[in-house]
mmCIF file of all heavy atoms, coordinates in Angstrom:
data_MODEL
# 
_entry.id   MODEL 
# 
loop_
_atom_site.group_PDB 
_atom_site.id 
_atom_site.type_symbol 
_atom_site.label_atom_id 
_atom_site.label_alt_id 
_atom_site.label_comp_id 
_atom_site.label_asym_id 
_atom_site.label_entity_id 
_atom_site.label_seq_id 
_atom_site.pdbx_PDB_ins_code 
_atom_site.Cartn_x 
_atom_site.Cartn_y 
_atom_site.Cartn_z 
_atom_site.occupancy 
_atom_site.B_iso_or_equiv 
_atom_site.pdbx_formal_charge 
_atom_site.auth_seq_id 
_atom_site.auth_comp_id 
_atom_site.auth_asym_id 
_atom_site.auth_atom_id 
_atom_site.pdbx_PDB_model_num 
ATOM 1   N N   . SER A 1 1  ? 5.073  -3.549 19.694  1.00 0.00 ? 1  SER A N   1 
ATOM 2   C CA  . SER A 1 1  ? 4.380  -4.564 20.487  1.00 0.00 ? 1  SER A CA  1 
ATOM 3   C C   . SER A 1 1  ? 2.889  -4.632 20.178  1.00 0.00 ? 1  SER A C   1 
ATOM 4   O O   . SER A 1 1  ? 2.192  -5.548 20.605  1.00 0.00 ? 1  SER A O   1 
ATOM 5   C CB  . SER A 1 1  ? 4.585  -4.299 21.974  1.00 0.00 ? 1  SER A CB  1 
ATOM 6   O OG  . SER A 1 1  ? 4.093  -3.023 22.310  1.00 0.00 ? 1  SER A OG  1 
ATOM 7   N N   . GLU A 1 2  ? 2.406  -3.680 19.398  1.00 0.00 ? 2  GLU A N   1 
ATOM 8   C CA  . GLU A 1 2  ? 0.988  -3.708 18.976  1.00 0.00 ? 2  GLU A CA  1 
ATOM 9   C C   . GLU A 1 2  ? 0.900  -3.090 17.577  1.00 0.00 ? 2  GLU A C   1 
ATOM 10  O O   . GLU A 1 2  ? 1.819  -2.420 17.142  1.00 0.00 ? 2  GLU A O   1 
ATOM 11  C CB  . GLU A 1 2  ? 0.111  -2.946 19.962  1.00 0.00 ? 2  GLU A CB  1 
ATOM 12  C CG  . GLU A 1 2  ? 0.516  -1.521 20.181  1.00 0.00 ? 2  GLU A CG  1 
ATOM 13  C CD  . GLU A 1 2  ? -0.281 -0.857 21.308  1.00 0.00 ? 2  GLU A CD  1 
ATOM 14  O OE1 . GLU A 1 2  ? -0.403 -1.457 22.366  1.00 0.00 ? 2  GLU A OE1 1 
ATOM 15  O OE2 . GLU A 1 2  ? -0.788 0.242  21.057  1.00 0.00 ? 2  GLU A OE2 1 
ATOM 16  N N   . PRO A 1 3  ? -0.179 -3.373 16.873  1.00 0.00 ? 3  PRO A N   1 
ATOM 17  C CA  . PRO A 1 3  ? -0.288 -2.862 15.502  1.00 0.00 ? 3  PRO A CA  1 
ATOM 18  C C   . PRO A 1 3  ? -0.231 -1.346 15.479  1.00 0.00 ? 3  PRO A C   1 
ATOM 19  O O   . PRO A 1 3  ? -0.753 -0.678 16.359  1.00 0.00 ? 3  PRO A O   1 
ATOM 20  C CB  . PRO A 1 3  ? -1.666 -3.330 15.027  1.00 0.00 ? 3  PRO A CB  1 
ATOM 21  C CG  . PRO A 1 3  ? -2.066 -4.403 15.981  1.00 0.00 ? 3  PRO A CG  1 
ATOM 22  C CD  . PRO A 1 3  ? -1.371 -4.139 17.276  1.00 0.00 ? 3  PRO A CD  1 
ATOM 23  N N   . PRO A 1 4  ? 0.428  -0.781 14.441  1.00 0.00 ? 4  PRO A N   1 
ATOM 24  C CA  . PRO A 1 4  ? 0.469  0.694  14.337  1.00 0.00 ? 4  PRO A CA  1 
ATOM 25  C C   . PRO A 1 4  ? -0.892 1.233  13.944  1.00 0.00 ? 4  PRO A C   1 
ATOM 26  O O   . PRO A 1 4  ? -1.721 0.518  13.384  1.00 0.00 ? 4  PRO A O   1 
ATOM 27  C CB  . PRO A 1 4  ? 1.499  0.938  13.217  1.00 0.00 ? 4  PRO A CB  1 
ATOM 28  C CG  . PRO A 1 4  ? 1.442  -0.289 12.402  1.00 0.00 ? 4  PRO A CG  1 
ATOM 29  C CD  . PRO A 1 4  ? 1.141  -1.418 13.349  1.00 0.00 ? 4  PRO A CD  1 
ATOM 30  N N   . ASP A 1 5  ? -1.122 2.493  14.244  1.00 0.00 ? 5  ASP A N   1 
ATOM 31  C CA  . ASP A 1 5  ? -2.349 3.156  13.855  1.00 0.00 ? 5  ASP A CA  1 
ATOM 32  C C   . ASP A 1 5  ? -2.229 3.519  12.381  1.00 0.00 ? 5  ASP A C   1 
ATOM 33  O O   . ASP A 1 5  ? -1.616 4.515  12.011  1.00 0.00 ? 5  ASP A O   1 
ATOM 34  C CB  . ASP A 1 5  ? -2.570 4.410  14.703  1.00 0.00 ? 5  ASP A CB  1 
ATOM 35  C CG  . ASP A 1 5  ? -3.871 5.123  14.364  1.00 0.00 ? 5  ASP A CG  1 
ATOM 36  O OD1 . ASP A 1 5  ? -4.645 4.614  13.501  1.00 0.00 ? 5  ASP A OD1 1 
ATOM 37  O OD2 . ASP A 1 5  ? -4.138 6.162  14.951  1.00 0.00 ? 5  ASP A OD2 1 
ATOM 38  N N   . LEU A 1 6  ? -2.802 2.668  11.539  1.00 0.00 ? 6  LEU A N   1 
ATOM 39  C CA  . LEU A 1 6  ? -2.624 2.837  10.091  1.00 0.00 ? 6  LEU A CA  1 
ATOM 40  C C   . LEU A 1 6  ? -3.368 4.043  9.537   1.00 0.00 ? 6  LEU A C   1 
ATOM 41  O O   . LEU A 1 6  ? -3.058 4.503  8.443   1.00 0.00 ? 6  LEU A O   1 
ATOM 42  C CB  . LEU A 1 6  ? -3.046 1.555  9.376   1.00 0.00 ? 6  LEU A CB  1 
ATOM 43  C CG  . LEU A 1 6  ? -2.218 0.337  9.739   1.00 0.00 ? 6  LEU A CG  1 
ATOM 44  C CD1 . LEU A 1 6  ? -2.737 -0.913 9.061   1.00 0.00 ? 6  LEU A CD1 1 
ATOM 45  C CD2 . LEU A 1 6  ? -0.750 0.557  9.420   1.00 0.00 ? 6  LEU A CD2 1 
ATOM 46  N N   . LYS A 1 7  ? -4.313 4.566  10.271  1.00 0.00 ? 7  LYS A N   1 
ATOM 47  C CA  . LYS A 1 7  ? -5.024 5.750  9.796   1.00 0.00 ? 7  LYS A CA  1 
ATOM 48  C C   . LYS A 1 7  ? -4.111 6.956  9.708   1.00 0.00 ? 7  LYS A C   1 
ATOM 49  O O   . LYS A 1 7  ? -4.355 7.871  8.953   1.00 0.00 ? 7  LYS A O   1 
ATOM 50  C CB  . LYS A 1 7  ? -6.208 6.067  10.720  1.00 0.00 ? 7  LYS A CB  1 
ATOM 51  C CG  . LYS A 1 7  ? -7.354 5.071  10.621  1.00 0.00 ? 7  LYS A CG  1 
ATOM 52  C CD  . LYS A 1 7  ? -8.454 5.444  11.541  1.00 0.00 ? 7  LYS A CD  1 
ATOM 53  C CE  . LYS A 1 7  ? -8.197 4.674  12.822  1.00 0.00 ? 7  LYS A CE  1 
ATOM 54  N NZ  . LYS A 1 7  ? -9.144 4.887  13.873  1.00 0.00 ? 7  LYS A NZ  1 
ATOM 55  N N   . ASN A 1 8  ? -3.026 6.952  10.489  1.00 0.00 ? 8  ASN A N   1 
ATOM 56  C CA  . ASN A 1 8  ? -2.111 8.093  10.491  1.00 0.00 ? 8  ASN A CA  1 
ATOM 57  C C   . ASN A 1 8  ? -0.965 7.948  9.490   1.00 0.00 ? 8  ASN A C   1 
ATOM 58  O O   . ASN A 1 8  ? -0.102 8.811  9.413   1.00 0.00 ? 8  ASN A O   1 
ATOM 59  C CB  . ASN A 1 8  ? -1.535 8.279  11.890  1.00 0.00 ? 8  ASN A CB  1 
ATOM 60  C CG  . ASN A 1 8  ? -2.617 8.719  12.862  1.00 0.00 ? 8  ASN A CG  1 
ATOM 61  O OD1 . ASN A 1 8  ? -3.564 9.381  12.470  1.00 0.00 ? 8  ASN A OD1 1 
ATOM 62  N ND2 . ASN A 1 8  ? -2.472 8.336  14.111  1.00 0.00 ? 8  ASN A ND2 1 
ATOM 63  N N   . LEU A 1 9  ? -0.920 6.840  8.765   1.00 0.00 ? 9  LEU A N   1 
ATOM 64  C CA  . LEU A 1 9  ? 0.147  6.680  7.778   1.00 0.00 ? 9  LEU A CA  1 
ATOM 65  C C   . LEU A 1 9  ? -0.186 7.448  6.509   1.00 0.00 ? 9  LEU A C   1 
ATOM 66  O O   . LEU A 1 9  ? -1.354 7.652  6.161   1.00 0.00 ? 9  LEU A O   1 
ATOM 67  C CB  . LEU A 1 9  ? 0.345  5.191  7.449   1.00 0.00 ? 9  LEU A CB  1 
ATOM 68  C CG  . LEU A 1 9  ? 0.883  4.331  8.583   1.00 0.00 ? 9  LEU A CG  1 
ATOM 69  C CD1 . LEU A 1 9  ? 0.944  2.877  8.140   1.00 0.00 ? 9  LEU A CD1 1 
ATOM 70  C CD2 . LEU A 1 9  ? 2.271  4.802  9.013   1.00 0.00 ? 9  LEU A CD2 1 
ATOM 71  N N   . SER A 1 10 ? 0.833  7.827  5.765   1.00 0.00 ? 10 SER A N   1 
ATOM 72  C CA  . SER A 1 10 ? 0.622  8.573  4.534   1.00 0.00 ? 10 SER A CA  1 
ATOM 73  C C   . SER A 1 10 ? 0.049  7.658  3.463   1.00 0.00 ? 10 SER A C   1 
ATOM 74  O O   . SER A 1 10 ? -0.060 6.460  3.635   1.00 0.00 ? 10 SER A O   1 
ATOM 75  C CB  . SER A 1 10 ? 1.947  9.135  4.056   1.00 0.00 ? 10 SER A CB  1 
ATOM 76  O OG  . SER A 1 10 ? 2.758  8.089  3.518   1.00 0.00 ? 10 SER A OG  1 
ATOM 77  N N   . MET A 1 11 ? -0.232 8.219  2.344   1.00 0.00 ? 11 MET A N   1 
ATOM 78  C CA  . MET A 1 11 ? -0.759 7.438  1.229   1.00 0.00 ? 11 MET A CA  1 
ATOM 79  C C   . MET A 1 11 ? 0.369  6.683  0.512   1.00 0.00 ? 11 MET A C   1 
ATOM 80  O O   . MET A 1 11 ? 0.233  6.254  -0.597  1.00 0.00 ? 11 MET A O   1 
ATOM 81  C CB  . MET A 1 11 ? -1.522 8.343  0.256   1.00 0.00 ? 11 MET A CB  1 
ATOM 82  C CG  . MET A 1 11 ? -2.873 8.768  0.807   1.00 0.00 ? 11 MET A CG  1 
ATOM 83  S SD  . MET A 1 11 ? -3.903 7.419  1.451   1.00 0.00 ? 11 MET A SD  1 
ATOM 84  C CE  . MET A 1 11 ? -4.135 6.389  0.020   1.00 0.00 ? 11 MET A CE  1 
ATOM 85  N N   . ARG A 1 12 ? 1.477  6.521  1.179   1.00 0.00 ? 12 ARG A N   1 
ATOM 86  C CA  . ARG A 1 12 ? 2.577  5.729  0.631   1.00 0.00 ? 12 ARG A CA  1 
ATOM 87  C C   . ARG A 1 12 ? 2.493  4.301  1.160   1.00 0.00 ? 12 ARG A C   1 
ATOM 88  O O   . ARG A 1 12 ? 3.409  3.531  1.043   1.00 0.00 ? 12 ARG A O   1 
ATOM 89  C CB  . ARG A 1 12 ? 3.898  6.382  0.960   1.00 0.00 ? 12 ARG A CB  1 
ATOM 90  C CG  . ARG A 1 12 ? 3.999  7.765  0.230   1.00 0.00 ? 12 ARG A CG  1 
ATOM 91  C CD  . ARG A 1 12 ? 5.303  8.418  0.365   1.00 0.00 ? 12 ARG A CD  1 
ATOM 92  N NE  . ARG A 1 12 ? 6.435  7.614  0.079   1.00 0.00 ? 12 ARG A NE  1 
ATOM 93  C CZ  . ARG A 1 12 ? 6.879  7.274  -1.145  1.00 0.00 ? 12 ARG A CZ  1 
ATOM 94  N NH1 . ARG A 1 12 ? 6.217  7.641  -2.207  1.00 0.00 ? 12 ARG A NH1 1 
ATOM 95  N NH2 . ARG A 1 12 ? 7.970  6.556  -1.281  1.00 0.00 ? 12 ARG A NH2 1 
ATOM 96  N N   . LEU A 1 13 ? 1.343  3.966  1.745   1.00 0.00 ? 13 LEU A N   1 
ATOM 97  C CA  . LEU A 1 13 ? 1.092  2.633  2.271   1.00 0.00 ? 13 LEU A CA  1 
ATOM 98  C C   . LEU A 1 13 ? -0.214 2.116  1.714   1.00 0.00 ? 13 LEU A C   1 
ATOM 99  O O   . LEU A 1 13 ? -1.211 2.841  1.696   1.00 0.00 ? 13 LEU A O   1 
ATOM 100 C CB  . LEU A 1 13 ? 1.020  2.695  3.809   1.00 0.00 ? 13 LEU A CB  1 
ATOM 101 C CG  . LEU A 1 13 ? 0.781  1.400  4.531   1.00 0.00 ? 13 LEU A CG  1 
ATOM 102 C CD1 . LEU A 1 13 ? 2.044  0.519  4.476   1.00 0.00 ? 13 LEU A CD1 1 
ATOM 103 C CD2 . LEU A 1 13 ? 0.444  1.670  5.982   1.00 0.00 ? 13 LEU A CD2 1 
ATOM 104 N N   . GLY A 1 14 ? -0.186 0.897  1.217   1.00 0.00 ? 14 GLY A N   1 
ATOM 105 C CA  . GLY A 1 14 ? -1.406 0.305  0.682   1.00 0.00 ? 14 GLY A CA  1 
ATOM 106 C C   . GLY A 1 14 ? -1.250 -1.211 0.649   1.00 0.00 ? 14 GLY A C   1 
ATOM 107 O O   . GLY A 1 14 ? -0.270 -1.771 1.122   1.00 0.00 ? 14 GLY A O   1 
ATOM 108 N N   . GLU A 1 15 ? -2.227 -1.852 0.052   1.00 0.00 ? 15 GLU A N   1 
ATOM 109 C CA  . GLU A 1 15 ? -2.173 -3.300 -0.075  1.00 0.00 ? 15 GLU A CA  1 
ATOM 110 C C   . GLU A 1 15 ? -1.359 -3.665 -1.314  1.00 0.00 ? 15 GLU A C   1 
ATOM 111 O O   . GLU A 1 15 ? -1.231 -2.860 -2.248  1.00 0.00 ? 15 GLU A O   1 
ATOM 112 C CB  . GLU A 1 15 ? -3.588 -3.864 -0.171  1.00 0.00 ? 15 GLU A CB  1 
ATOM 113 C CG  . GLU A 1 15 ? -4.369 -3.677 1.121   1.00 0.00 ? 15 GLU A CG  1 
ATOM 114 C CD  . GLU A 1 15 ? -5.759 -4.271 1.050   1.00 0.00 ? 15 GLU A CD  1 
ATOM 115 O OE1 . GLU A 1 15 ? -6.046 -5.032 0.090   1.00 0.00 ? 15 GLU A OE1 1 
ATOM 116 O OE2 . GLU A 1 15 ? -6.535 -3.985 1.964   1.00 0.00 ? 15 GLU A OE2 1 
ATOM 117 N N   . PHE A 1 16 ? -0.834 -4.877 -1.329  1.00 0.00 ? 16 PHE A N   1 
ATOM 118 C CA  . PHE A 1 16 ? 0.000  -5.318 -2.453  1.00 0.00 ? 16 PHE A CA  1 
ATOM 119 C C   . PHE A 1 16 ? -0.765 -5.253 -3.766  1.00 0.00 ? 16 PHE A C   1 
ATOM 120 O O   . PHE A 1 16 ? -0.226 -4.837 -4.785  1.00 0.00 ? 16 PHE A O   1 
ATOM 121 C CB  . PHE A 1 16 ? 0.526  -6.746 -2.214  1.00 0.00 ? 16 PHE A CB  1 
ATOM 122 C CG  . PHE A 1 16 ? 1.412  -7.223 -3.320  1.00 0.00 ? 16 PHE A CG  1 
ATOM 123 C CD1 . PHE A 1 16 ? 2.676  -6.708 -3.490  1.00 0.00 ? 16 PHE A CD1 1 
ATOM 124 C CD2 . PHE A 1 16 ? 0.982  -8.195 -4.208  1.00 0.00 ? 16 PHE A CD2 1 
ATOM 125 C CE1 . PHE A 1 16 ? 3.495  -7.137 -4.525  1.00 0.00 ? 16 PHE A CE1 1 
ATOM 126 C CE2 . PHE A 1 16 ? 1.770  -8.629 -5.243  1.00 0.00 ? 16 PHE A CE2 1 
ATOM 127 C CZ  . PHE A 1 16 ? 3.042  -8.097 -5.388  1.00 0.00 ? 16 PHE A CZ  1 
ATOM 128 N N   . ARG A 1 17 ? -2.032 -5.635 -3.755  1.00 0.00 ? 17 ARG A N   1 
ATOM 129 C CA  . ARG A 1 17 ? -2.808 -5.597 -5.006  1.00 0.00 ? 17 ARG A CA  1 
ATOM 130 C C   . ARG A 1 17 ? -2.891 -4.162 -5.551  1.00 0.00 ? 17 ARG A C   1 
ATOM 131 O O   . ARG A 1 17 ? -2.904 -3.953 -6.748  1.00 0.00 ? 17 ARG A O   1 
ATOM 132 C CB  . ARG A 1 17 ? -4.200 -6.202 -4.801  1.00 0.00 ? 17 ARG A CB  1 
ATOM 133 C CG  . ARG A 1 17 ? -5.043 -5.406 -3.851  1.00 0.00 ? 17 ARG A CG  1 
ATOM 134 C CD  . ARG A 1 17 ? -6.349 -6.075 -3.575  1.00 0.00 ? 17 ARG A CD  1 
ATOM 135 N NE  . ARG A 1 17 ? -7.011 -5.303 -2.531  1.00 0.00 ? 17 ARG A NE  1 
ATOM 136 C CZ  . ARG A 1 17 ? -8.264 -5.234 -2.369  1.00 0.00 ? 17 ARG A CZ  1 
ATOM 137 N NH1 . ARG A 1 17 ? -9.078 -5.892 -3.173  1.00 0.00 ? 17 ARG A NH1 1 
ATOM 138 N NH2 . ARG A 1 17 ? -8.780 -4.524 -1.396  1.00 0.00 ? 17 ARG A NH2 1 
ATOM 139 N N   . ASP A 1 18 ? -2.934 -3.175 -4.644  1.00 0.00 ? 18 ASP A N   1 
ATOM 140 C CA  . ASP A 1 18 ? -2.917 -1.784 -5.102  1.00 0.00 ? 18 ASP A CA  1 
ATOM 141 C C   . ASP A 1 18 ? -1.539 -1.380 -5.593  1.00 0.00 ? 18 ASP A C   1 
ATOM 142 O O   . ASP A 1 18 ? -1.418 -0.617 -6.574  1.00 0.00 ? 18 ASP A O   1 
ATOM 143 C CB  . ASP A 1 18 ? -3.372 -0.858 -3.973  1.00 0.00 ? 18 ASP A CB  1 
ATOM 144 C CG  . ASP A 1 18 ? -4.831 -1.065 -3.619  1.00 0.00 ? 18 ASP A CG  1 
ATOM 145 O OD1 . ASP A 1 18 ? -5.623 -1.396 -4.514  1.00 0.00 ? 18 ASP A OD1 1 
ATOM 146 O OD2 . ASP A 1 18 ? -5.165 -0.925 -2.424  1.00 0.00 ? 18 ASP A OD2 1 
ATOM 147 N N   . PHE A 1 19 ? -0.478 -1.860 -4.932  1.00 0.00 ? 19 PHE A N   1 
ATOM 148 C CA  . PHE A 1 19 ? 0.873  -1.589 -5.388  1.00 0.00 ? 19 PHE A CA  1 
ATOM 149 C C   . PHE A 1 19 ? 1.054  -2.072 -6.823  1.00 0.00 ? 19 PHE A C   1 
ATOM 150 O O   . PHE A 1 19 ? 1.682  -1.402 -7.645  1.00 0.00 ? 19 PHE A O   1 
ATOM 151 C CB  . PHE A 1 19 ? 1.891  -2.257 -4.467  1.00 0.00 ? 19 PHE A CB  1 
ATOM 152 C CG  . PHE A 1 19 ? 3.306  -2.184 -4.957  1.00 0.00 ? 19 PHE A CG  1 
ATOM 153 C CD1 . PHE A 1 19 ? 3.997  -0.970 -4.953  1.00 0.00 ? 19 PHE A CD1 1 
ATOM 154 C CD2 . PHE A 1 19 ? 3.951  -3.290 -5.434  1.00 0.00 ? 19 PHE A CD2 1 
ATOM 155 C CE1 . PHE A 1 19 ? 5.299  -0.883 -5.413  1.00 0.00 ? 19 PHE A CE1 1 
ATOM 156 C CE2 . PHE A 1 19 ? 5.253  -3.220 -5.894  1.00 0.00 ? 19 PHE A CE2 1 
ATOM 157 C CZ  . PHE A 1 19 ? 5.908  -2.017 -5.884  1.00 0.00 ? 19 PHE A CZ  1 
ATOM 158 N N   . MET A 1 20 ? 0.508  -3.235 -7.147  1.00 0.00 ? 20 MET A N   1 
ATOM 159 C CA  . MET A 1 20 ? 0.668  -3.785 -8.487  1.00 0.00 ? 20 MET A CA  1 
ATOM 160 C C   . MET A 1 20 ? 0.003  -2.899 -9.555  1.00 0.00 ? 20 MET A C   1 
ATOM 161 O O   . MET A 1 20 ? 0.342  -2.987 -10.719 1.00 0.00 ? 20 MET A O   1 
ATOM 162 C CB  . MET A 1 20 ? 0.127  -5.221 -8.568  1.00 0.00 ? 20 MET A CB  1 
ATOM 163 C CG  . MET A 1 20 ? 1.003  -6.238 -7.819  1.00 0.00 ? 20 MET A CG  1 
ATOM 164 S SD  . MET A 1 20 ? 2.740  -6.219 -8.340  1.00 0.00 ? 20 MET A SD  1 
ATOM 165 C CE  . MET A 1 20 ? 2.627  -6.919 -9.978  1.00 0.00 ? 20 MET A CE  1 
ATOM 166 N N   . LYS A 1 21 ? -0.914 -2.020 -9.154  1.00 0.00 ? 21 LYS A N   1 
ATOM 167 C CA  . LYS A 1 21 ? -1.545 -1.111 -10.087 1.00 0.00 ? 21 LYS A CA  1 
ATOM 168 C C   . LYS A 1 21 ? -0.608 -0.025 -10.580 1.00 0.00 ? 21 LYS A C   1 
ATOM 169 O O   . LYS A 1 21 ? -0.898 0.663  -11.556 1.00 0.00 ? 21 LYS A O   1 
ATOM 170 C CB  . LYS A 1 21 ? -2.800 -0.482 -9.457  1.00 0.00 ? 21 LYS A CB  1 
ATOM 171 C CG  . LYS A 1 21 ? -3.911 -1.490 -9.203  1.00 0.00 ? 21 LYS A CG  1 
ATOM 172 C CD  . LYS A 1 21 ? -5.091 -0.835 -8.503  1.00 0.00 ? 21 LYS A CD  1 
ATOM 173 C CE  . LYS A 1 21 ? -6.142 -1.874 -8.160  1.00 0.00 ? 21 LYS A CE  1 
ATOM 174 N NZ  . LYS A 1 21 ? -7.225 -1.268 -7.372  1.00 0.00 ? 21 LYS A NZ  1 
ATOM 175 N N   . PHE A 1 22 ? 0.560  0.123  -9.912  1.00 0.00 ? 22 PHE A N   1 
ATOM 176 C CA  . PHE A 1 22 ? 1.578  1.044  -10.394 1.00 0.00 ? 22 PHE A CA  1 
ATOM 177 C C   . PHE A 1 22 ? 2.177  0.535  -11.707 1.00 0.00 ? 22 PHE A C   1 
ATOM 178 O O   . PHE A 1 22 ? 2.817  1.293  -12.444 1.00 0.00 ? 22 PHE A O   1 
ATOM 179 C CB  . PHE A 1 22 ? 2.716  1.222  -9.377  1.00 0.00 ? 22 PHE A CB  1 
ATOM 180 C CG  . PHE A 1 22 ? 2.406  2.135  -8.244  1.00 0.00 ? 22 PHE A CG  1 
ATOM 181 C CD1 . PHE A 1 22 ? 2.110  1.605  -6.979  1.00 0.00 ? 22 PHE A CD1 1 
ATOM 182 C CD2 . PHE A 1 22 ? 2.392  3.508  -8.400  1.00 0.00 ? 22 PHE A CD2 1 
ATOM 183 C CE1 . PHE A 1 22 ? 1.839  2.451  -5.907  1.00 0.00 ? 22 PHE A CE1 1 
ATOM 184 C CE2 . PHE A 1 22 ? 2.136  4.356  -7.322  1.00 0.00 ? 22 PHE A CE2 1 
ATOM 185 C CZ  . PHE A 1 22 ? 1.845  3.827  -6.093  1.00 0.00 ? 22 PHE A CZ  1 
ATOM 186 N N   . PHE A 1 23 ? 2.009  -0.740 -11.990 1.00 0.00 ? 23 PHE A N   1 
ATOM 187 C CA  . PHE A 1 23 ? 2.604  -1.369 -13.178 1.00 0.00 ? 23 PHE A CA  1 
ATOM 188 C C   . PHE A 1 23 ? 1.561  -1.563 -14.255 1.00 0.00 ? 23 PHE A C   1 
ATOM 189 O O   . PHE A 1 23 ? 0.391  -1.838 -13.973 1.00 0.00 ? 23 PHE A O   1 
ATOM 190 C CB  . PHE A 1 23 ? 3.191  -2.735 -12.794 1.00 0.00 ? 23 PHE A CB  1 
ATOM 191 C CG  . PHE A 1 23 ? 4.239  -2.668 -11.721 1.00 0.00 ? 23 PHE A CG  1 
ATOM 192 C CD1 . PHE A 1 23 ? 3.893  -2.850 -10.391 1.00 0.00 ? 23 PHE A CD1 1 
ATOM 193 C CD2 . PHE A 1 23 ? 5.565  -2.411 -12.026 1.00 0.00 ? 23 PHE A CD2 1 
ATOM 194 C CE1 . PHE A 1 23 ? 4.850  -2.785 -9.388  1.00 0.00 ? 23 PHE A CE1 1 
ATOM 195 C CE2 . PHE A 1 23 ? 6.527  -2.352 -11.039 1.00 0.00 ? 23 PHE A CE2 1 
ATOM 196 C CZ  . PHE A 1 23 ? 6.179  -2.535 -9.712  1.00 0.00 ? 23 PHE A CZ  1 
ATOM 197 N N   . SER A 1 24 ? 2.008  -1.445 -15.510 1.00 0.00 ? 24 SER A N   1 
ATOM 198 C CA  . SER A 1 24 ? 1.113  -1.752 -16.620 1.00 0.00 ? 24 SER A CA  1 
ATOM 199 C C   . SER A 1 24 ? 0.829  -3.261 -16.640 1.00 0.00 ? 24 SER A C   1 
ATOM 200 O O   . SER A 1 24 ? 1.520  -4.055 -15.997 1.00 0.00 ? 24 SER A O   1 
ATOM 201 C CB  . SER A 1 24 ? 1.748  -1.338 -17.957 1.00 0.00 ? 24 SER A CB  1 
ATOM 202 O OG  . SER A 1 24 ? 2.856  -2.216 -18.239 1.00 0.00 ? 24 SER A OG  1 
ATOM 203 N N   . THR A 1 25 ? -0.187 -3.664 -17.399 1.00 0.00 ? 25 THR A N   1 
ATOM 204 C CA  . THR A 1 25 ? -0.512 -5.087 -17.503 1.00 0.00 ? 25 THR A CA  1 
ATOM 205 C C   . THR A 1 25 ? 0.683  -5.860 -18.072 1.00 0.00 ? 25 THR A C   1 
ATOM 206 O O   . THR A 1 25 ? 1.014  -6.944 -17.559 1.00 0.00 ? 25 THR A O   1 
ATOM 207 C CB  . THR A 1 25 ? -1.741 -5.300 -18.407 1.00 0.00 ? 25 THR A CB  1 
ATOM 208 O OG1 . THR A 1 25 ? -2.842 -4.582 -17.817 1.00 0.00 ? 25 THR A OG1 1 
ATOM 209 C CG2 . THR A 1 25 ? -2.102 -6.766 -18.540 1.00 0.00 ? 25 THR A CG2 1 
ATOM 210 N N   . ASP A 1 26 ? 1.358  -5.288 -19.067 1.00 0.00 ? 26 ASP A N   1 
ATOM 211 C CA  . ASP A 1 26 ? 2.528  -5.970 -19.632 1.00 0.00 ? 26 ASP A CA  1 
ATOM 212 C C   . ASP A 1 26 ? 3.653  -6.106 -18.589 1.00 0.00 ? 26 ASP A C   1 
ATOM 213 O O   . ASP A 1 26 ? 4.300  -7.148 -18.513 1.00 0.00 ? 26 ASP A O   1 
ATOM 214 C CB  . ASP A 1 26 ? 3.056  -5.212 -20.862 1.00 0.00 ? 26 ASP A CB  1 
ATOM 215 C CG  . ASP A 1 26 ? 2.135  -5.367 -22.073 1.00 0.00 ? 26 ASP A CG  1 
ATOM 216 O OD1 . ASP A 1 26 ? 1.336  -6.310 -22.095 1.00 0.00 ? 26 ASP A OD1 1 
ATOM 217 O OD2 . ASP A 1 26 ? 2.258  -4.524 -22.984 1.00 0.00 ? 26 ASP A OD2 1 
ATOM 218 N N   . GLU A 1 27 ? 3.852  -5.059 -17.786 1.00 0.00 ? 27 GLU A N   1 
ATOM 219 C CA  . GLU A 1 27 ? 4.875  -5.138 -16.733 1.00 0.00 ? 27 GLU A CA  1 
ATOM 220 C C   . GLU A 1 27 ? 4.503  -6.195 -15.695 1.00 0.00 ? 27 GLU A C   1 
ATOM 221 O O   . GLU A 1 27 ? 5.348  -6.963 -15.243 1.00 0.00 ? 27 GLU A O   1 
ATOM 222 C CB  . GLU A 1 27 ? 5.054  -3.779 -16.062 1.00 0.00 ? 27 GLU A CB  1 
ATOM 223 C CG  . GLU A 1 27 ? 5.772  -2.750 -16.917 1.00 0.00 ? 27 GLU A CG  1 
ATOM 224 C CD  . GLU A 1 27 ? 5.764  -1.354 -16.327 1.00 0.00 ? 27 GLU A CD  1 
ATOM 225 O OE1 . GLU A 1 27 ? 4.819  -1.021 -15.557 1.00 0.00 ? 27 GLU A OE1 1 
ATOM 226 O OE2 . GLU A 1 27 ? 6.685  -0.578 -16.629 1.00 0.00 ? 27 GLU A OE2 1 
# 
């Protein structure tokens, strides 16, 4: 019912632009 406290989430959460950094430029 309200936003989660994102400060307590693990480093397995990020923004999509950061997720795309897992991929090479060719990928």
